[in-house]
């Protein structure tokens, strides 16, 4: 499936090579995960098909319901979630909706998201000379 999400934000060049419909971004504290989320939110003014989720956006029941419905109905969007571990504790139907709707590309930032995914789709943020990329923890699965 490989896609590239490329944009600029606050002087950073973001080049995210996405291997599949779900990319899990993990890492220790202060490694750039939430910074990447914030940069992408800033770049959203120039990119139409980005949708953002974090704990603040789902902590009320009404907002959570809106997010779940959006995920279920969305098509062809980049859905980017920060604080996935906290989000999934609010309502597990959020992760269920992601597992069921593969018509989008998901970037899930967290340590242990309750999703169906392949370990080859787990990456860490890399920031070098104002270039932000993903470094995958495992090599890609080669199709024969």
N, C-alpha and C. Protein backbone atom coordinates (compact mmCIF):
# COMPACT_ATOMS: atom_id res chain seq x y z
N UNK A 1 0.81 -1.18 0.00
CA UNK A 1 0.00 0.00 0.00
C UNK A 1 0.86 1.25 0.00
N UNK A 2 1.99 1.31 0.53
CA UNK A 2 2.87 2.44 0.71
C UNK A 2 2.38 3.80 0.24
N UNK A 3 2.31 4.72 1.15
CA UNK A 3 1.95 6.11 0.88
C UNK A 3 2.96 7.01 1.55
N UNK A 4 3.02 8.24 1.09
CA UNK A 4 3.86 9.24 1.73
C UNK A 4 2.99 10.42 2.14
N UNK A 5 3.09 10.80 3.39
CA UNK A 5 2.47 12.03 3.88
C UNK A 5 3.59 13.04 4.00
N UNK A 6 3.56 14.06 3.14
CA UNK A 6 4.62 15.05 3.10
C UNK A 6 4.04 16.43 3.28
N UNK A 7 4.67 17.22 4.14
CA UNK A 7 4.24 18.60 4.35
C UNK A 7 5.36 19.35 5.07
N UNK A 8 5.14 20.65 5.21
CA UNK A 8 6.07 21.50 5.97
C UNK A 8 5.29 22.15 7.09
N UNK A 9 5.96 22.31 8.22
CA UNK A 9 5.32 22.94 9.38
C UNK A 9 6.39 23.52 10.29
N UNK A 10 6.25 24.80 10.59
CA UNK A 10 7.15 25.49 11.52
C UNK A 10 8.63 25.27 11.20
N UNK A 11 8.97 25.28 9.93
CA UNK A 11 10.36 25.11 9.53
C UNK A 11 10.83 23.67 9.43
N UNK A 12 9.95 22.71 9.68
CA UNK A 12 10.30 21.30 9.57
C UNK A 12 9.72 20.72 8.29
N UNK A 13 10.49 19.87 7.66
CA UNK A 13 10.04 19.13 6.49
C UNK A 13 9.63 17.74 6.97
N UNK A 14 8.37 17.41 6.81
CA UNK A 14 7.85 16.12 7.29
C UNK A 14 7.68 15.20 6.09
N UNK A 15 8.32 14.05 6.13
CA UNK A 15 8.25 13.04 5.07
C UNK A 15 7.97 11.69 5.71
N UNK A 16 6.71 11.34 5.85
CA UNK A 16 6.34 10.09 6.51
C UNK A 16 6.02 9.03 5.47
N UNK A 17 6.87 8.02 5.39
CA UNK A 17 6.61 6.87 4.52
C UNK A 17 5.74 5.89 5.31
N UNK A 18 4.54 5.66 4.84
CA UNK A 18 3.58 4.81 5.54
C UNK A 18 3.47 3.49 4.79
N UNK A 19 3.73 2.42 5.48
CA UNK A 19 3.76 1.10 4.84
C UNK A 19 2.38 0.50 4.63
N UNK A 20 1.44 0.82 5.49
CA UNK A 20 0.13 0.19 5.40
C UNK A 20 -0.94 1.17 5.85
N UNK A 21 -2.15 0.68 6.00
CA UNK A 21 -3.25 1.56 6.41
C UNK A 21 -3.15 1.96 7.88
N UNK A 22 -2.34 1.25 8.67
CA UNK A 22 -2.14 1.61 10.08
C UNK A 22 -0.65 1.66 10.38
N UNK A 23 -0.20 2.82 10.82
CA UNK A 23 1.18 2.97 11.28
C UNK A 23 1.13 3.31 12.76
N UNK A 24 1.84 2.55 13.54
CA UNK A 24 1.91 2.76 14.99
C UNK A 24 3.22 3.48 15.28
N UNK A 25 3.12 4.68 15.86
CA UNK A 25 4.31 5.45 16.21
C UNK A 25 4.48 5.35 17.72
N UNK A 26 5.61 4.76 18.13
CA UNK A 26 5.85 4.56 19.56
C UNK A 26 7.18 5.20 19.93
N UNK A 27 7.55 5.05 21.17
CA UNK A 27 8.83 5.59 21.63
C UNK A 27 8.73 6.07 23.06
N UNK A 28 9.88 6.29 23.65
CA UNK A 28 9.94 6.79 25.02
C UNK A 28 9.40 8.21 25.09
N UNK A 29 9.23 8.70 26.30
CA UNK A 29 8.83 10.09 26.50
C UNK A 29 9.87 11.02 25.90
N UNK A 30 9.41 12.16 25.39
CA UNK A 30 10.27 13.21 24.84
C UNK A 30 11.09 12.75 23.63
N UNK A 31 10.49 11.91 22.79
CA UNK A 31 11.17 11.46 21.57
C UNK A 31 10.55 12.05 20.31
N UNK A 32 9.58 12.96 20.47
CA UNK A 32 9.03 13.65 19.31
C UNK A 32 7.65 13.21 18.86
N UNK A 33 7.02 12.30 19.58
CA UNK A 33 5.71 11.80 19.15
C UNK A 33 4.66 12.90 19.16
N UNK A 34 4.47 13.55 20.28
CA UNK A 34 3.46 14.60 20.36
C UNK A 34 3.90 15.83 19.56
N UNK A 35 5.18 16.08 19.47
CA UNK A 35 5.69 17.16 18.63
C UNK A 35 5.28 16.93 17.18
N UNK A 36 5.41 15.70 16.69
CA UNK A 36 4.97 15.37 15.34
C UNK A 36 3.48 15.63 15.18
N UNK A 37 2.68 15.20 16.15
CA UNK A 37 1.24 15.42 16.11
C UNK A 37 0.93 16.92 16.01
N UNK A 38 1.60 17.73 16.82
CA UNK A 38 1.37 19.17 16.81
C UNK A 38 1.79 19.80 15.48
N UNK A 39 2.91 19.34 14.92
CA UNK A 39 3.34 19.87 13.63
C UNK A 39 2.33 19.52 12.54
N UNK A 40 1.82 18.30 12.57
CA UNK A 40 0.82 17.91 11.57
C UNK A 40 -0.46 18.71 11.74
N UNK A 41 -0.86 18.97 12.98
CA UNK A 41 -2.04 19.82 13.20
C UNK A 41 -1.81 21.21 12.62
N UNK A 42 -0.62 21.74 12.80
CA UNK A 42 -0.28 23.05 12.24
C UNK A 42 -0.33 23.03 10.71
N UNK A 43 0.11 21.95 10.11
CA UNK A 43 0.13 21.83 8.65
C UNK A 43 -1.25 21.56 8.07
N UNK A 44 -2.21 21.20 8.91
CA UNK A 44 -3.54 20.82 8.43
C UNK A 44 -4.24 21.94 7.68
N UNK A 45 -3.83 23.17 7.92
CA UNK A 45 -4.44 24.29 7.20
C UNK A 45 -4.21 24.17 5.70
N UNK A 46 -3.14 23.49 5.30
CA UNK A 46 -2.80 23.36 3.88
C UNK A 46 -3.14 21.99 3.31
N UNK A 47 -3.62 21.07 4.15
CA UNK A 47 -3.94 19.71 3.70
C UNK A 47 -5.37 19.41 4.10
N UNK A 48 -6.20 19.06 3.13
CA UNK A 48 -7.63 18.90 3.38
C UNK A 48 -8.03 17.63 4.11
N UNK A 49 -7.35 16.55 3.90
CA UNK A 49 -7.87 15.25 4.35
C UNK A 49 -7.22 14.72 5.63
N UNK A 50 -6.91 15.62 6.56
CA UNK A 50 -6.36 15.20 7.86
C UNK A 50 -7.43 15.36 8.94
N UNK A 51 -7.50 14.38 9.83
CA UNK A 51 -8.44 14.42 10.96
C UNK A 51 -7.65 14.02 12.20
N UNK A 52 -7.79 14.80 13.27
CA UNK A 52 -6.96 14.60 14.46
C UNK A 52 -7.79 14.16 15.66
N UNK A 53 -7.22 13.24 16.43
CA UNK A 53 -7.85 12.74 17.65
C UNK A 53 -6.79 12.74 18.74
N UNK A 54 -7.15 13.24 19.92
CA UNK A 54 -6.32 13.05 21.10
C UNK A 54 -7.24 12.96 22.31
N UNK A 55 -6.67 12.82 23.47
CA UNK A 55 -7.48 12.63 24.67
C UNK A 55 -8.46 13.78 24.87
N UNK A 56 -8.00 15.01 24.67
CA UNK A 56 -8.88 16.17 24.87
C UNK A 56 -10.09 16.14 23.94
N UNK A 57 -9.93 15.56 22.76
CA UNK A 57 -11.03 15.55 21.80
C UNK A 57 -12.07 14.47 22.05
N UNK A 58 -11.80 13.56 22.98
CA UNK A 58 -12.76 12.47 23.23
C UNK A 58 -13.18 12.34 24.69
N UNK A 59 -12.70 13.21 25.56
CA UNK A 59 -12.98 12.98 26.98
C UNK A 59 -14.44 13.24 27.36
N UNK A 60 -15.18 13.98 26.55
CA UNK A 60 -16.62 14.10 26.83
C UNK A 60 -17.36 13.05 25.99
N UNK A 61 -18.45 12.53 26.51
CA UNK A 61 -19.22 11.50 25.79
C UNK A 61 -19.72 12.01 24.44
N UNK A 62 -20.16 13.27 24.40
CA UNK A 62 -20.68 13.83 23.14
C UNK A 62 -19.57 13.89 22.09
N UNK A 63 -18.40 14.39 22.47
CA UNK A 63 -17.29 14.46 21.52
C UNK A 63 -16.83 13.08 21.10
N UNK A 64 -16.81 12.16 22.03
CA UNK A 64 -16.39 10.78 21.73
C UNK A 64 -17.32 10.18 20.67
N UNK A 65 -18.60 10.39 20.82
CA UNK A 65 -19.57 9.87 19.86
C UNK A 65 -19.33 10.46 18.47
N UNK A 66 -19.04 11.76 18.41
CA UNK A 66 -18.75 12.42 17.13
C UNK A 66 -17.52 11.80 16.47
N UNK A 67 -16.48 11.56 17.26
CA UNK A 67 -15.24 10.97 16.73
C UNK A 67 -15.51 9.57 16.20
N UNK A 68 -16.23 8.76 16.95
CA UNK A 68 -16.53 7.39 16.50
C UNK A 68 -17.31 7.42 15.19
N UNK A 69 -18.31 8.26 15.09
CA UNK A 69 -19.10 8.36 13.87
C UNK A 69 -18.25 8.85 12.70
N UNK A 70 -17.35 9.79 12.96
CA UNK A 70 -16.47 10.27 11.90
C UNK A 70 -15.60 9.13 11.37
N UNK A 71 -15.00 8.38 12.27
CA UNK A 71 -14.15 7.27 11.84
C UNK A 71 -14.95 6.27 11.02
N UNK A 72 -16.14 5.94 11.46
CA UNK A 72 -16.97 4.96 10.75
C UNK A 72 -17.32 5.42 9.33
N UNK A 73 -17.53 6.71 9.15
CA UNK A 73 -18.00 7.22 7.87
C UNK A 73 -16.89 7.78 6.97
N UNK A 74 -15.71 7.98 7.51
CA UNK A 74 -14.63 8.62 6.75
C UNK A 74 -14.15 7.72 5.62
N UNK A 75 -13.68 8.37 4.57
CA UNK A 75 -13.13 7.65 3.42
C UNK A 75 -11.95 8.44 2.87
N UNK A 76 -10.81 7.78 2.75
CA UNK A 76 -9.64 8.39 2.13
C UNK A 76 -8.96 9.47 2.95
N UNK A 77 -9.14 9.45 4.25
CA UNK A 77 -8.52 10.46 5.11
C UNK A 77 -7.28 9.90 5.81
N UNK A 78 -6.44 10.82 6.22
CA UNK A 78 -5.39 10.50 7.18
C UNK A 78 -5.98 10.81 8.55
N UNK A 79 -6.14 9.80 9.37
CA UNK A 79 -6.66 9.99 10.72
C UNK A 79 -5.48 9.79 11.67
N UNK A 80 -5.16 10.85 12.39
CA UNK A 80 -3.95 10.88 13.21
C UNK A 80 -4.36 10.98 14.67
N UNK A 81 -3.92 10.02 15.46
CA UNK A 81 -4.31 9.96 16.87
C UNK A 81 -3.07 10.04 17.75
N UNK A 82 -3.10 10.99 18.68
CA UNK A 82 -2.06 11.08 19.70
C UNK A 82 -2.65 10.59 21.02
N UNK A 83 -1.80 10.17 21.92
CA UNK A 83 -2.23 9.69 23.24
C UNK A 83 -3.19 8.49 23.10
N UNK A 84 -2.87 7.60 22.19
CA UNK A 84 -3.76 6.47 21.89
C UNK A 84 -4.07 5.64 23.12
N UNK A 85 -3.12 5.49 24.02
CA UNK A 85 -3.36 4.69 25.22
C UNK A 85 -4.45 5.31 26.09
N UNK A 86 -4.45 6.63 26.18
CA UNK A 86 -5.49 7.33 26.95
C UNK A 86 -6.81 7.34 26.21
N UNK A 87 -6.77 7.55 24.90
CA UNK A 87 -7.99 7.61 24.09
C UNK A 87 -8.75 6.28 24.17
N UNK A 88 -8.03 5.17 24.06
CA UNK A 88 -8.71 3.88 24.06
C UNK A 88 -9.33 3.54 25.41
N UNK A 89 -8.83 4.15 26.48
CA UNK A 89 -9.43 3.92 27.79
C UNK A 89 -10.74 4.67 27.96
N UNK A 90 -10.95 5.74 27.19
CA UNK A 90 -12.20 6.50 27.26
C UNK A 90 -13.35 5.66 26.71
N UNK A 91 -13.13 5.06 25.54
CA UNK A 91 -14.18 4.27 24.90
C UNK A 91 -13.52 3.33 23.90
N UNK A 92 -13.61 2.03 24.13
CA UNK A 92 -12.94 1.08 23.24
C UNK A 92 -13.60 1.00 21.87
N UNK A 93 -14.75 1.62 21.69
CA UNK A 93 -15.39 1.64 20.37
C UNK A 93 -14.59 2.48 19.37
N UNK A 94 -13.73 3.37 19.87
CA UNK A 94 -12.89 4.16 18.96
C UNK A 94 -11.94 3.23 18.22
N UNK A 95 -11.25 2.37 18.95
CA UNK A 95 -10.31 1.44 18.31
C UNK A 95 -11.05 0.41 17.46
N UNK A 96 -12.22 0.01 17.91
CA UNK A 96 -13.03 -0.93 17.12
C UNK A 96 -13.40 -0.30 15.78
N UNK A 97 -13.77 0.98 15.78
CA UNK A 97 -14.12 1.67 14.54
C UNK A 97 -12.91 1.73 13.60
N UNK A 98 -11.73 1.96 14.15
CA UNK A 98 -10.52 1.98 13.32
C UNK A 98 -10.26 0.61 12.73
N UNK A 99 -10.37 -0.44 13.54
CA UNK A 99 -10.16 -1.79 13.04
C UNK A 99 -11.14 -2.16 11.93
N UNK A 100 -12.34 -1.60 11.98
CA UNK A 100 -13.37 -1.96 11.01
C UNK A 100 -13.35 -1.12 9.75
N UNK A 101 -12.80 0.10 9.79
CA UNK A 101 -12.80 0.96 8.62
C UNK A 101 -11.39 1.08 8.08
N UNK A 102 -11.08 0.30 7.07
CA UNK A 102 -9.75 0.32 6.47
C UNK A 102 -9.70 1.21 5.23
N UNK A 103 -10.67 2.09 5.08
CA UNK A 103 -10.72 2.99 3.93
C UNK A 103 -9.94 4.27 4.18
N UNK A 104 -9.24 4.34 5.29
CA UNK A 104 -8.44 5.50 5.66
C UNK A 104 -7.02 5.06 5.96
N UNK A 105 -6.16 6.02 6.15
CA UNK A 105 -4.79 5.76 6.59
C UNK A 105 -4.67 6.32 8.00
N UNK A 106 -4.26 5.47 8.93
CA UNK A 106 -4.19 5.84 10.34
C UNK A 106 -2.75 5.96 10.80
N UNK A 107 -2.47 7.03 11.51
CA UNK A 107 -1.19 7.19 12.21
C UNK A 107 -1.56 7.24 13.68
N UNK A 108 -1.19 6.20 14.40
CA UNK A 108 -1.59 6.04 15.80
C UNK A 108 -0.35 6.20 16.67
N UNK A 109 -0.37 7.23 17.51
CA UNK A 109 0.78 7.53 18.37
C UNK A 109 0.45 7.05 19.78
N UNK A 110 1.20 6.07 20.24
CA UNK A 110 0.97 5.53 21.57
C UNK A 110 1.89 4.36 21.85
N UNK A 111 1.81 3.84 23.04
CA UNK A 111 2.72 2.75 23.44
C UNK A 111 2.12 1.36 23.24
N UNK A 112 0.82 1.21 23.46
CA UNK A 112 0.21 -0.12 23.36
C UNK A 112 -1.23 -0.01 22.87
N UNK A 113 -1.42 0.45 21.64
CA UNK A 113 -2.80 0.58 21.15
C UNK A 113 -3.46 -0.78 20.96
N UNK A 114 -4.73 -0.84 21.28
CA UNK A 114 -5.50 -2.07 21.13
C UNK A 114 -6.08 -2.13 19.73
N UNK A 115 -5.20 -2.44 18.78
CA UNK A 115 -5.58 -2.49 17.37
C UNK A 115 -5.02 -3.74 16.73
N UNK A 116 -5.59 -4.10 15.60
CA UNK A 116 -5.00 -5.15 14.78
C UNK A 116 -3.95 -4.48 13.90
N UNK A 117 -2.69 -4.88 14.04
CA UNK A 117 -1.63 -4.33 13.21
C UNK A 117 -0.47 -5.31 13.15
N UNK A 118 0.39 -5.07 12.21
CA UNK A 118 1.57 -5.91 12.01
C UNK A 118 2.77 -5.22 12.66
N UNK A 119 3.64 -5.98 13.28
CA UNK A 119 4.82 -5.40 13.94
C UNK A 119 5.73 -4.67 12.96
N UNK A 120 5.64 -4.98 11.68
CA UNK A 120 6.46 -4.27 10.70
C UNK A 120 5.94 -2.86 10.44
N UNK A 121 4.79 -2.52 11.01
CA UNK A 121 4.21 -1.19 10.85
C UNK A 121 4.40 -0.32 12.09
N UNK A 122 5.33 -0.71 12.96
CA UNK A 122 5.64 0.05 14.17
C UNK A 122 6.92 0.85 13.92
N UNK A 123 6.84 2.16 14.21
CA UNK A 123 7.96 3.05 13.91
C UNK A 123 8.19 4.02 15.06
N UNK A 124 9.35 4.65 15.03
CA UNK A 124 9.67 5.74 15.94
C UNK A 124 9.92 7.00 15.12
N UNK A 125 9.74 8.16 15.74
CA UNK A 125 9.98 9.43 15.08
C UNK A 125 11.50 9.67 15.00
N UNK A 126 11.93 10.15 13.84
CA UNK A 126 13.33 10.53 13.65
C UNK A 126 13.36 12.00 13.24
N UNK A 127 14.12 12.80 13.98
CA UNK A 127 14.26 14.23 13.66
C UNK A 127 15.74 14.51 13.44
N UNK A 128 16.09 14.85 12.21
CA UNK A 128 17.49 15.14 11.86
C UNK A 128 17.52 16.33 10.91
N UNK A 129 18.21 17.38 11.32
CA UNK A 129 18.37 18.57 10.46
C UNK A 129 17.03 19.08 9.93
N UNK A 130 16.05 19.22 10.79
CA UNK A 130 14.72 19.74 10.44
C UNK A 130 13.94 18.83 9.49
N UNK A 131 14.38 17.60 9.33
CA UNK A 131 13.65 16.60 8.55
C UNK A 131 13.06 15.58 9.53
N UNK A 132 11.76 15.38 9.43
CA UNK A 132 11.10 14.42 10.30
C UNK A 132 10.63 13.24 9.45
N UNK A 133 11.07 12.05 9.85
CA UNK A 133 10.71 10.83 9.16
C UNK A 133 10.32 9.78 10.20
N UNK A 134 9.95 8.62 9.72
CA UNK A 134 9.69 7.48 10.60
C UNK A 134 10.77 6.44 10.38
N UNK A 135 11.26 5.88 11.48
CA UNK A 135 12.20 4.76 11.40
C UNK A 135 11.47 3.53 11.91
N UNK A 136 11.26 2.58 11.03
CA UNK A 136 10.52 1.37 11.39
C UNK A 136 11.42 0.44 12.20
N UNK A 137 10.81 -0.24 13.15
CA UNK A 137 11.57 -1.11 14.05
C UNK A 137 11.87 -2.46 13.42
N UNK A 138 11.09 -2.84 12.42
CA UNK A 138 11.28 -4.11 11.72
C UNK A 138 11.31 -3.85 10.22
N UNK A 139 12.03 -4.69 9.47
CA UNK A 139 12.01 -4.51 8.02
C UNK A 139 10.63 -4.85 7.45
N UNK A 140 10.31 -4.33 6.29
CA UNK A 140 8.99 -4.63 5.71
C UNK A 140 8.88 -6.10 5.32
N UNK A 141 7.65 -6.57 5.29
CA UNK A 141 7.38 -7.92 4.84
C UNK A 141 7.45 -7.90 3.32
N UNK A 142 8.26 -8.76 2.76
CA UNK A 142 8.39 -8.84 1.30
C UNK A 142 7.34 -9.76 0.74
N UNK A 143 6.62 -9.28 -0.26
CA UNK A 143 5.60 -10.09 -0.91
C UNK A 143 6.26 -10.93 -1.98
N UNK A 144 5.85 -12.18 -2.06
CA UNK A 144 6.45 -13.11 -3.05
C UNK A 144 5.50 -13.30 -4.19
